[in-house]
Amino acid sequence: LKEGLKRLKSDSEKKVDSQFVLNSMEISKKIEENSFGEIGLVSWPEINPRGIKDKAYIIFKKEGKPLHFQAITDKINQLKLSLEERPALIQTVHNELIKDPRFVLVGRGTYALSEWGYFPGQVKDVILKVFKETKKPLTKEEILEKVLSQRLVKENTVLLNLNNKKYFLRNSQGKYWVNPVREA
C-alpha cells in the first residue's frame, strides 16, 4: 500500500482521488504484519493473537510437531508474541493447553494439535480406538505401531495397558482383542 502511494506521488501527471486515499487509510488500519512476516486482518488470531491459547496455536502451526509446554512458553517469549511487557508464564500456558480442545496431550507434558489426527484420552482409550477402527484382533507389534503413532509413551506403557484383562484379552494365536464384557 505504501509503495503504491509512493508511486502515485512520484507520478505527477496522475491525480489521486481523495476517496482512494481515505479507503487506503481505512484498509491499512485493518491490516497488519505478525511476528513471522505474514500479513492479514487485525481480527485474525494468526495475525493478532488475543490469548495464550492463540499464541500456542501459532507456535504449533509454525513448528509442525508436538512440543512440550515449556518449549511453547519459551517460544512465545522469544518471538515476543506477548505484546504485554510481562512474559508468558509456564503455568498459564500449561493450563490453557489443558482447557482447549485444539490441543491433545500425547506424552508427559507434550502436546500436539488435534487437527493433526491426534485425539484425547489415555493410552487405553487409544488402544480401544485402534480396535474399533480395525475391527479385528491384532498382534502386539501392530498395536504398538498404531498406538505409538498417536502417543509419545514407552512401549511398556502400551504393553501394561494390553495386559489389563478388564479391557483386553489375548487369544491362542497371541493376538489381542477387546474384552467382550467391556464392549457392551
N, C-alpha and C. Protein backbone atom coordinates (compact mmCIF):
# COMPACT_ATOMS: atom_id res chain seq x y z
N LEU A 1 0.83 -1.20 0.00
CA LEU A 1 0.00 0.00 0.00
C LEU A 1 0.87 1.25 0.00
N LYS A 2 1.88 1.25 0.90
CA LYS A 2 2.78 2.41 0.97
C LYS A 2 3.52 2.60 -0.34
N GLU A 3 3.98 1.46 -0.93
CA GLU A 3 4.71 1.54 -2.19
C GLU A 3 3.81 2.08 -3.30
N GLY A 4 2.56 1.64 -3.30
CA GLY A 4 1.61 2.12 -4.30
C GLY A 4 1.37 3.61 -4.19
N LEU A 5 1.25 4.11 -2.96
CA LEU A 5 1.06 5.54 -2.75
C LEU A 5 2.30 6.33 -3.16
N LYS A 6 3.49 5.77 -2.90
CA LYS A 6 4.73 6.45 -3.29
C LYS A 6 4.82 6.57 -4.81
N ARG A 7 4.43 5.49 -5.53
CA ARG A 7 4.45 5.52 -6.98
C ARG A 7 3.48 6.57 -7.52
N LEU A 8 2.29 6.64 -6.90
CA LEU A 8 1.31 7.64 -7.34
C LEU A 8 1.83 9.05 -7.08
N LYS A 9 2.51 9.23 -5.95
CA LYS A 9 3.03 10.54 -5.60
C LYS A 9 4.12 10.98 -6.59
N SER A 10 4.98 10.03 -6.98
CA SER A 10 6.08 10.36 -7.88
C SER A 10 5.61 10.62 -9.31
N ASP A 11 4.48 10.05 -9.66
CA ASP A 11 3.93 10.27 -10.99
C ASP A 11 3.05 11.52 -10.95
N SER A 12 3.64 12.66 -11.23
CA SER A 12 2.98 13.95 -11.05
C SER A 12 1.80 14.18 -11.99
N GLU A 13 1.73 13.43 -13.11
CA GLU A 13 0.63 13.64 -14.05
C GLU A 13 -0.68 13.05 -13.54
N LYS A 14 -0.62 12.00 -12.70
CA LYS A 14 -1.84 11.37 -12.21
C LYS A 14 -2.41 12.13 -11.03
N LYS A 15 -3.70 12.24 -11.02
CA LYS A 15 -4.40 12.83 -9.88
C LYS A 15 -4.83 11.71 -8.96
N VAL A 16 -4.65 11.88 -7.67
CA VAL A 16 -5.07 10.88 -6.69
C VAL A 16 -6.45 11.27 -6.18
N ASP A 17 -7.37 10.33 -6.34
CA ASP A 17 -8.73 10.53 -5.88
C ASP A 17 -8.73 10.54 -4.35
N SER A 18 -9.39 11.53 -3.77
CA SER A 18 -9.41 11.63 -2.30
C SER A 18 -10.11 10.42 -1.68
N GLN A 19 -11.10 9.86 -2.35
CA GLN A 19 -11.79 8.67 -1.83
C GLN A 19 -10.83 7.48 -1.79
N PHE A 20 -9.94 7.38 -2.79
CA PHE A 20 -8.93 6.32 -2.81
C PHE A 20 -8.03 6.43 -1.59
N VAL A 21 -7.61 7.63 -1.26
CA VAL A 21 -6.74 7.86 -0.11
C VAL A 21 -7.46 7.48 1.17
N LEU A 22 -8.71 7.90 1.31
CA LEU A 22 -9.49 7.57 2.51
C LEU A 22 -9.68 6.06 2.64
N ASN A 23 -10.03 5.38 1.56
CA ASN A 23 -10.20 3.92 1.59
C ASN A 23 -8.90 3.22 1.92
N SER A 24 -7.80 3.69 1.36
CA SER A 24 -6.49 3.09 1.64
C SER A 24 -6.12 3.24 3.10
N MET A 25 -6.40 4.39 3.67
CA MET A 25 -6.08 4.61 5.09
C MET A 25 -6.94 3.72 5.97
N GLU A 26 -8.20 3.53 5.61
CA GLU A 26 -9.10 2.68 6.38
C GLU A 26 -8.64 1.22 6.32
N ILE A 27 -8.26 0.77 5.14
CA ILE A 27 -7.79 -0.60 4.98
C ILE A 27 -6.50 -0.83 5.76
N SER A 28 -5.59 0.14 5.72
CA SER A 28 -4.30 -0.04 6.38
C SER A 28 -4.44 -0.20 7.89
N LYS A 29 -5.52 0.34 8.46
CA LYS A 29 -5.75 0.19 9.90
C LYS A 29 -6.22 -1.22 10.23
N LYS A 30 -6.77 -1.92 9.25
CA LYS A 30 -7.32 -3.26 9.47
C LYS A 30 -6.35 -4.36 9.06
N ILE A 31 -5.20 -4.01 8.50
CA ILE A 31 -4.22 -4.99 8.05
C ILE A 31 -2.91 -4.76 8.79
N GLU A 32 -2.35 -5.87 9.27
CA GLU A 32 -1.06 -5.80 9.98
C GLU A 32 -0.19 -6.97 9.59
N GLU A 33 1.04 -6.91 10.07
CA GLU A 33 2.01 -7.98 9.85
C GLU A 33 2.32 -8.60 11.20
N ASN A 34 2.36 -9.95 11.26
CA ASN A 34 2.66 -10.60 12.54
C ASN A 34 4.17 -10.83 12.70
N SER A 35 4.56 -11.51 13.75
CA SER A 35 5.98 -11.75 14.06
C SER A 35 6.69 -12.59 13.01
N PHE A 36 5.93 -13.31 12.18
CA PHE A 36 6.52 -14.18 11.16
C PHE A 36 6.51 -13.54 9.78
N GLY A 37 6.12 -12.27 9.71
CA GLY A 37 6.10 -11.58 8.43
C GLY A 37 4.86 -11.84 7.60
N GLU A 38 3.86 -12.50 8.18
CA GLU A 38 2.62 -12.76 7.47
C GLU A 38 1.69 -11.56 7.61
N ILE A 39 0.98 -11.26 6.54
CA ILE A 39 0.10 -10.11 6.53
C ILE A 39 -1.34 -10.59 6.50
N GLY A 40 -2.20 -9.92 7.28
CA GLY A 40 -3.61 -10.28 7.31
C GLY A 40 -4.40 -9.28 8.12
N LEU A 41 -5.67 -9.59 8.30
CA LEU A 41 -6.54 -8.72 9.06
C LEU A 41 -6.18 -8.73 10.54
N VAL A 42 -6.33 -7.59 11.17
CA VAL A 42 -6.03 -7.44 12.59
C VAL A 42 -6.91 -8.37 13.42
N SER A 43 -8.10 -8.66 12.94
CA SER A 43 -9.05 -9.50 13.69
C SER A 43 -8.69 -10.99 13.65
N TRP A 44 -7.77 -11.40 12.77
CA TRP A 44 -7.39 -12.79 12.68
C TRP A 44 -6.47 -13.16 13.84
N PRO A 45 -6.74 -14.29 14.52
CA PRO A 45 -5.87 -14.69 15.64
C PRO A 45 -4.43 -15.02 15.21
N GLU A 46 -4.24 -15.40 13.94
CA GLU A 46 -2.88 -15.70 13.46
C GLU A 46 -2.05 -14.42 13.32
N ILE A 47 -2.71 -13.29 13.13
CA ILE A 47 -2.03 -12.01 12.97
C ILE A 47 -1.92 -11.28 14.30
N ASN A 48 -3.00 -11.27 15.05
CA ASN A 48 -3.05 -10.56 16.32
C ASN A 48 -3.61 -11.50 17.39
N PRO A 49 -2.78 -12.43 17.90
CA PRO A 49 -3.27 -13.41 18.88
C PRO A 49 -3.73 -12.73 20.17
N ARG A 50 -4.92 -13.09 20.62
CA ARG A 50 -5.51 -12.44 21.78
C ARG A 50 -5.06 -13.05 23.11
N GLY A 51 -4.96 -14.35 23.15
CA GLY A 51 -4.61 -15.00 24.41
C GLY A 51 -3.50 -16.01 24.22
N ILE A 52 -3.14 -16.64 25.33
CA ILE A 52 -2.06 -17.63 25.32
C ILE A 52 -2.40 -18.79 24.39
N LYS A 53 -3.67 -19.22 24.37
CA LYS A 53 -4.01 -20.37 23.53
C LYS A 53 -3.84 -20.05 22.05
N ASP A 54 -4.14 -18.83 21.62
CA ASP A 54 -3.91 -18.44 20.23
C ASP A 54 -2.42 -18.39 19.92
N LYS A 55 -1.65 -17.91 20.88
CA LYS A 55 -0.19 -17.84 20.70
C LYS A 55 0.41 -19.25 20.61
N ALA A 56 -0.08 -20.15 21.47
CA ALA A 56 0.40 -21.53 21.43
C ALA A 56 0.02 -22.18 20.10
N TYR A 57 -1.18 -21.92 19.62
CA TYR A 57 -1.64 -22.46 18.35
C TYR A 57 -0.72 -22.02 17.21
N ILE A 58 -0.34 -20.75 17.22
CA ILE A 58 0.58 -20.22 16.20
C ILE A 58 1.92 -20.96 16.26
N ILE A 59 2.43 -21.18 17.46
CA ILE A 59 3.70 -21.89 17.63
C ILE A 59 3.60 -23.30 17.05
N PHE A 60 2.51 -24.01 17.37
CA PHE A 60 2.34 -25.37 16.84
C PHE A 60 2.28 -25.36 15.31
N LYS A 61 1.56 -24.41 14.74
CA LYS A 61 1.44 -24.34 13.29
C LYS A 61 2.80 -24.09 12.63
N LYS A 62 3.62 -23.27 13.26
CA LYS A 62 4.95 -22.96 12.71
C LYS A 62 5.91 -24.14 12.88
N GLU A 63 5.85 -24.80 14.02
CA GLU A 63 6.77 -25.90 14.31
C GLU A 63 6.36 -27.18 13.57
N GLY A 64 5.05 -27.44 13.50
CA GLY A 64 4.55 -28.62 12.79
C GLY A 64 4.82 -29.95 13.48
N LYS A 65 5.05 -29.91 14.78
CA LYS A 65 5.32 -31.15 15.51
C LYS A 65 4.88 -30.97 16.97
N PRO A 66 4.68 -32.09 17.71
CA PRO A 66 4.34 -31.98 19.12
C PRO A 66 5.45 -31.29 19.90
N LEU A 67 5.05 -30.51 20.91
CA LEU A 67 6.01 -29.77 21.73
C LEU A 67 5.64 -29.87 23.21
N HIS A 68 6.65 -29.78 24.06
CA HIS A 68 6.44 -29.72 25.50
C HIS A 68 5.97 -28.31 25.86
N PHE A 69 5.14 -28.21 26.89
CA PHE A 69 4.59 -26.89 27.24
C PHE A 69 5.67 -25.89 27.64
N GLN A 70 6.81 -26.36 28.16
CA GLN A 70 7.93 -25.47 28.48
C GLN A 70 8.50 -24.86 27.21
N ALA A 71 8.65 -25.67 26.16
CA ALA A 71 9.18 -25.19 24.89
C ALA A 71 8.22 -24.17 24.26
N ILE A 72 6.94 -24.41 24.39
CA ILE A 72 5.94 -23.48 23.85
C ILE A 72 6.05 -22.14 24.56
N THR A 73 6.17 -22.17 25.88
CA THR A 73 6.31 -20.95 26.67
C THR A 73 7.56 -20.19 26.23
N ASP A 74 8.67 -20.91 26.09
CA ASP A 74 9.92 -20.28 25.67
C ASP A 74 9.78 -19.61 24.30
N LYS A 75 9.14 -20.31 23.37
CA LYS A 75 8.98 -19.76 22.01
C LYS A 75 8.05 -18.54 22.00
N ILE A 76 7.00 -18.56 22.81
CA ILE A 76 6.11 -17.40 22.90
C ILE A 76 6.91 -16.19 23.37
N ASN A 77 7.75 -16.40 24.37
CA ASN A 77 8.55 -15.30 24.92
C ASN A 77 9.68 -14.88 23.97
N GLN A 78 10.32 -15.83 23.29
CA GLN A 78 11.39 -15.50 22.35
C GLN A 78 10.88 -14.70 21.16
N LEU A 79 9.73 -15.11 20.64
CA LEU A 79 9.17 -14.45 19.45
C LEU A 79 8.40 -13.19 19.78
N LYS A 80 8.36 -12.87 21.07
CA LYS A 80 7.66 -11.66 21.52
C LYS A 80 6.20 -11.66 21.05
N LEU A 81 5.55 -12.85 21.14
CA LEU A 81 4.14 -12.93 20.80
C LEU A 81 3.28 -12.29 21.88
N SER A 82 3.87 -12.14 23.07
CA SER A 82 3.19 -11.42 24.14
C SER A 82 3.56 -9.95 24.00
N LEU A 83 2.61 -9.16 23.56
CA LEU A 83 2.88 -7.74 23.38
C LEU A 83 2.97 -7.01 24.71
N GLU A 84 2.39 -7.63 25.73
CA GLU A 84 2.49 -7.03 27.06
C GLU A 84 3.95 -7.09 27.52
N GLU A 85 4.26 -6.29 28.51
CA GLU A 85 5.65 -6.25 29.00
C GLU A 85 6.02 -7.53 29.74
N ARG A 86 5.05 -8.15 30.37
CA ARG A 86 5.37 -9.35 31.16
C ARG A 86 5.38 -10.59 30.27
N PRO A 87 6.30 -11.50 30.53
CA PRO A 87 6.40 -12.70 29.69
C PRO A 87 5.29 -13.71 30.01
N ALA A 88 5.08 -14.63 29.08
CA ALA A 88 4.11 -15.70 29.30
C ALA A 88 4.64 -16.60 30.41
N LEU A 89 3.75 -17.05 31.28
CA LEU A 89 4.13 -17.93 32.38
C LEU A 89 3.88 -19.37 32.01
N ILE A 90 4.77 -20.25 32.45
CA ILE A 90 4.67 -21.67 32.10
C ILE A 90 3.36 -22.28 32.62
N GLN A 91 2.93 -21.88 33.83
CA GLN A 91 1.69 -22.43 34.39
C GLN A 91 0.48 -22.00 33.57
N THR A 92 0.50 -20.77 33.10
CA THR A 92 -0.61 -20.26 32.29
C THR A 92 -0.68 -21.01 30.97
N VAL A 93 0.46 -21.20 30.33
CA VAL A 93 0.50 -21.92 29.06
C VAL A 93 -0.03 -23.34 29.26
N HIS A 94 0.44 -24.02 30.29
CA HIS A 94 0.01 -25.39 30.54
C HIS A 94 -1.49 -25.45 30.80
N ASN A 95 -2.01 -24.53 31.60
CA ASN A 95 -3.45 -24.51 31.89
C ASN A 95 -4.28 -24.28 30.62
N GLU A 96 -3.83 -23.41 29.75
CA GLU A 96 -4.55 -23.13 28.51
C GLU A 96 -4.53 -24.34 27.57
N LEU A 97 -3.40 -25.04 27.53
CA LEU A 97 -3.31 -26.24 26.69
C LEU A 97 -4.25 -27.33 27.18
N ILE A 98 -4.39 -27.45 28.48
CA ILE A 98 -5.28 -28.46 29.06
C ILE A 98 -6.74 -28.15 28.71
N LYS A 99 -7.13 -26.89 28.78
CA LYS A 99 -8.53 -26.49 28.60
C LYS A 99 -9.00 -26.48 27.15
N ASP A 100 -8.11 -26.21 26.21
CA ASP A 100 -8.51 -26.00 24.83
C ASP A 100 -8.55 -27.33 24.06
N PRO A 101 -9.68 -27.66 23.42
CA PRO A 101 -9.78 -28.94 22.69
C PRO A 101 -8.91 -29.01 21.43
N ARG A 102 -8.33 -27.90 21.00
CA ARG A 102 -7.42 -27.93 19.84
C ARG A 102 -6.13 -28.66 20.16
N PHE A 103 -5.80 -28.76 21.47
CA PHE A 103 -4.54 -29.37 21.89
C PHE A 103 -4.80 -30.70 22.56
N VAL A 104 -3.94 -31.69 22.27
CA VAL A 104 -4.07 -33.03 22.82
C VAL A 104 -2.77 -33.41 23.51
N LEU A 105 -2.88 -33.90 24.74
CA LEU A 105 -1.72 -34.40 25.47
C LEU A 105 -1.30 -35.73 24.85
N VAL A 106 -0.08 -35.80 24.33
CA VAL A 106 0.40 -37.01 23.66
C VAL A 106 1.56 -37.68 24.40
N GLY A 107 2.06 -37.04 25.43
CA GLY A 107 3.16 -37.60 26.22
C GLY A 107 3.29 -36.77 27.48
N ARG A 108 4.29 -37.01 28.25
CA ARG A 108 4.47 -36.28 29.51
C ARG A 108 4.74 -34.81 29.26
N GLY A 109 3.69 -34.00 29.38
CA GLY A 109 3.81 -32.57 29.18
C GLY A 109 3.92 -32.15 27.72
N THR A 110 3.84 -33.10 26.82
CA THR A 110 3.96 -32.83 25.39
C THR A 110 2.58 -32.82 24.75
N TYR A 111 2.33 -31.78 23.97
CA TYR A 111 1.03 -31.60 23.33
C TYR A 111 1.19 -31.55 21.82
N ALA A 112 0.08 -31.84 21.13
CA ALA A 112 0.01 -31.74 19.67
C ALA A 112 -1.36 -31.17 19.31
N LEU A 113 -1.53 -30.82 18.06
CA LEU A 113 -2.82 -30.30 17.61
C LEU A 113 -3.75 -31.45 17.24
N SER A 114 -5.00 -31.34 17.64
CA SER A 114 -5.98 -32.37 17.29
C SER A 114 -6.19 -32.42 15.78
N GLU A 115 -6.01 -31.30 15.09
CA GLU A 115 -6.19 -31.28 13.63
C GLU A 115 -5.12 -32.10 12.90
N TRP A 116 -4.08 -32.50 13.59
CA TRP A 116 -3.06 -33.37 13.01
C TRP A 116 -3.46 -34.84 13.10
N GLY A 117 -4.62 -35.12 13.65
CA GLY A 117 -5.09 -36.50 13.75
C GLY A 117 -4.96 -37.10 15.14
N TYR A 118 -4.44 -36.35 16.08
CA TYR A 118 -4.35 -36.84 17.45
C TYR A 118 -5.72 -36.68 18.12
N PHE A 119 -6.03 -37.60 19.02
CA PHE A 119 -7.29 -37.48 19.74
C PHE A 119 -7.03 -37.64 21.23
N PRO A 120 -7.89 -37.04 22.05
CA PRO A 120 -7.66 -37.07 23.50
C PRO A 120 -7.94 -38.44 24.11
N GLY A 121 -7.39 -38.65 25.28
CA GLY A 121 -7.65 -39.88 26.02
C GLY A 121 -6.36 -40.51 26.53
N GLN A 122 -6.57 -41.53 27.34
CA GLN A 122 -5.44 -42.27 27.89
C GLN A 122 -4.98 -43.30 26.86
N VAL A 123 -3.87 -43.96 27.14
CA VAL A 123 -3.33 -44.99 26.25
C VAL A 123 -4.37 -46.08 26.03
N LYS A 124 -5.08 -46.44 27.08
CA LYS A 124 -6.14 -47.45 26.98
C LYS A 124 -7.19 -47.03 25.95
N ASP A 125 -7.56 -45.75 25.96
CA ASP A 125 -8.55 -45.24 25.00
C ASP A 125 -8.02 -45.29 23.57
N VAL A 126 -6.74 -45.04 23.40
CA VAL A 126 -6.13 -45.11 22.07
C VAL A 126 -6.18 -46.55 21.56
N ILE A 127 -5.85 -47.51 22.44
CA ILE A 127 -5.90 -48.93 22.05
C ILE A 127 -7.33 -49.32 21.68
N LEU A 128 -8.29 -48.89 22.47
CA LEU A 128 -9.70 -49.20 22.17
C LEU A 128 -10.10 -48.62 20.82
N LYS A 129 -9.65 -47.43 20.52
CA LYS A 129 -9.97 -46.80 19.23
C LYS A 129 -9.31 -47.56 18.08
N VAL A 130 -8.11 -48.05 18.29
CA VAL A 130 -7.42 -48.84 17.27
C VAL A 130 -8.25 -50.08 16.95
N PHE A 131 -8.73 -50.77 17.97
CA PHE A 131 -9.55 -51.96 17.74
C PHE A 131 -10.87 -51.61 17.07
N LYS A 132 -11.44 -50.50 17.45
CA LYS A 132 -12.71 -50.06 16.85
C LYS A 132 -12.53 -49.79 15.36
N GLU A 133 -11.39 -49.23 14.98
CA GLU A 133 -11.12 -48.91 13.57
C GLU A 133 -10.78 -50.15 12.75
N THR A 134 -9.99 -51.07 13.33
CA THR A 134 -9.54 -52.24 12.57
C THR A 134 -10.59 -53.36 12.58
N LYS A 135 -11.35 -53.46 13.65
CA LYS A 135 -12.42 -54.46 13.79
C LYS A 135 -11.92 -55.90 13.67
N LYS A 136 -10.67 -56.13 14.13
CA LYS A 136 -10.12 -57.49 14.13
C LYS A 136 -9.04 -57.59 15.19
N PRO A 137 -8.75 -58.81 15.64
CA PRO A 137 -7.66 -58.99 16.60
C PRO A 137 -6.33 -58.59 15.98
N LEU A 138 -5.44 -58.02 16.81
CA LEU A 138 -4.15 -57.54 16.33
C LEU A 138 -3.02 -58.11 17.16
N THR A 139 -1.84 -58.22 16.54
CA THR A 139 -0.66 -58.65 17.27
C THR A 139 -0.15 -57.49 18.13
N LYS A 140 0.69 -57.84 19.06
CA LYS A 140 1.29 -56.83 19.94
C LYS A 140 2.03 -55.78 19.11
N GLU A 141 2.76 -56.22 18.08
CA GLU A 141 3.54 -55.30 17.25
C GLU A 141 2.64 -54.34 16.48
N GLU A 142 1.52 -54.84 15.95
CA GLU A 142 0.59 -53.99 15.22
C GLU A 142 -0.01 -52.92 16.13
N ILE A 143 -0.35 -53.34 17.32
CA ILE A 143 -0.93 -52.40 18.30
C ILE A 143 0.10 -51.35 18.69
N LEU A 144 1.33 -51.80 18.96
CA LEU A 144 2.40 -50.86 19.33
C LEU A 144 2.61 -49.82 18.24
N GLU A 145 2.66 -50.25 17.00
CA GLU A 145 2.88 -49.34 15.88
C GLU A 145 1.79 -48.26 15.82
N LYS A 146 0.55 -48.69 15.94
CA LYS A 146 -0.57 -47.75 15.83
C LYS A 146 -0.66 -46.81 17.03
N VAL A 147 -0.44 -47.33 18.22
CA VAL A 147 -0.54 -46.51 19.42
C VAL A 147 0.63 -45.53 19.51
N LEU A 148 1.83 -45.97 19.16
CA LEU A 148 3.00 -45.10 19.25
C LEU A 148 2.98 -44.00 18.19
N SER A 149 2.13 -44.15 17.17
CA SER A 149 1.97 -43.05 16.21
C SER A 149 1.05 -41.97 16.78
N GLN A 150 0.30 -42.31 17.84
CA GLN A 150 -0.63 -41.38 18.47
C GLN A 150 -0.10 -40.80 19.79
N ARG A 151 0.77 -41.53 20.46
CA ARG A 151 1.25 -41.12 21.77
C ARG A 151 2.75 -41.25 21.87
N LEU A 152 3.36 -40.33 22.62
CA LEU A 152 4.80 -40.38 22.88
C LEU A 152 5.00 -41.03 24.25
N VAL A 153 4.82 -42.35 24.29
CA VAL A 153 4.98 -43.12 25.52
C VAL A 153 5.92 -44.28 25.25
N LYS A 154 6.35 -44.93 26.31
CA LYS A 154 7.22 -46.08 26.16
C LYS A 154 6.39 -47.30 25.78
N GLU A 155 7.05 -48.26 25.13
CA GLU A 155 6.36 -49.49 24.72
C GLU A 155 5.75 -50.20 25.91
N ASN A 156 6.46 -50.18 27.04
CA ASN A 156 5.96 -50.87 28.23
C ASN A 156 4.63 -50.29 28.71
N THR A 157 4.42 -49.01 28.51
CA THR A 157 3.15 -48.40 28.91
C THR A 157 2.01 -49.01 28.10
N VAL A 158 2.24 -49.20 26.81
CA VAL A 158 1.22 -49.81 25.95
C VAL A 158 1.01 -51.27 26.37
N LEU A 159 2.10 -51.98 26.59
CA LEU A 159 2.00 -53.40 26.96
C LEU A 159 1.31 -53.59 28.30
N LEU A 160 1.57 -52.71 29.24
CA LEU A 160 0.88 -52.79 30.54
C LEU A 160 -0.63 -52.60 30.36
N ASN A 161 -1.01 -51.68 29.51
CA ASN A 161 -2.43 -51.48 29.24
C ASN A 161 -3.04 -52.70 28.55
N LEU A 162 -2.31 -53.32 27.64
CA LEU A 162 -2.80 -54.52 26.96
C LEU A 162 -3.01 -55.68 27.91
N ASN A 163 -2.24 -55.73 28.97
CA ASN A 163 -2.36 -56.82 29.95
C ASN A 163 -3.50 -56.60 30.94
N ASN A 164 -4.22 -55.50 30.80
CA ASN A 164 -5.37 -55.24 31.66
C ASN A 164 -6.55 -56.07 31.15
N LYS A 165 -6.81 -57.22 31.79
CA LYS A 165 -7.84 -58.16 31.34
C LYS A 165 -9.25 -57.58 31.45
N LYS A 166 -9.38 -56.52 32.17
CA LYS A 166 -10.68 -55.85 32.27
C LYS A 166 -11.07 -55.26 30.91
N TYR A 167 -10.07 -54.90 30.10
CA TYR A 167 -10.33 -54.26 28.81
C TYR A 167 -9.92 -55.11 27.61
N PHE A 168 -8.84 -55.90 27.75
CA PHE A 168 -8.29 -56.61 26.60
C PHE A 168 -8.03 -58.07 26.93
N LEU A 169 -8.21 -58.93 25.92
CA LEU A 169 -7.94 -60.36 26.04
C LEU A 169 -6.97 -60.77 24.94
N ARG A 170 -6.24 -61.87 25.19
CA ARG A 170 -5.32 -62.40 24.19
C ARG A 170 -5.80 -63.80 23.80
N ASN A 171 -5.88 -64.04 22.49
CA ASN A 171 -6.35 -65.36 22.03
C ASN A 171 -5.19 -66.34 21.92
N SER A 172 -5.49 -67.55 21.48
CA SER A 172 -4.47 -68.62 21.41
C SER A 172 -3.38 -68.33 20.39
N GLN A 173 -3.66 -67.48 19.38
CA GLN A 173 -2.64 -67.11 18.40
C GLN A 173 -1.76 -65.95 18.88
N GLY A 174 -2.01 -65.45 20.08
CA GLY A 174 -1.23 -64.35 20.63
C GLY A 174 -1.71 -62.98 20.19
N LYS A 175 -2.91 -62.92 19.60
CA LYS A 175 -3.47 -61.65 19.16
C LYS A 175 -4.40 -61.11 20.24
N TYR A 176 -4.48 -59.80 20.29
CA TYR A 176 -5.29 -59.14 21.31
C TYR A 176 -6.61 -58.66 20.72
N TRP A 177 -7.60 -58.56 21.61
CA TRP A 177 -8.93 -58.07 21.23
C TRP A 177 -9.57 -57.44 22.46
N VAL A 178 -10.61 -56.68 22.23
CA VAL A 178 -11.33 -56.02 23.33
C VAL A 178 -12.13 -57.07 24.10
N ASN A 179 -12.10 -56.99 25.41
CA ASN A 179 -12.88 -57.89 26.26
C ASN A 179 -14.36 -57.68 25.93
N PRO A 180 -15.06 -58.75 25.53
CA PRO A 180 -16.48 -58.60 25.14
C PRO A 180 -17.36 -58.01 26.26
N VAL A 181 -16.99 -58.23 27.49
CA VAL A 181 -17.75 -57.68 28.61
C VAL A 181 -17.69 -56.15 28.57
N ARG A 182 -16.54 -55.60 28.14
CA ARG A 182 -16.32 -54.15 28.06
C ARG A 182 -17.03 -53.52 26.87
N GLU A 183 -17.19 -54.29 25.80
CA GLU A 183 -17.78 -53.76 24.57
C GLU A 183 -19.25 -53.37 24.76
N ALA A 184 -19.94 -54.07 25.60
CA ALA A 184 -21.39 -53.83 25.77
C ALA A 184 -21.71 -52.53 26.41
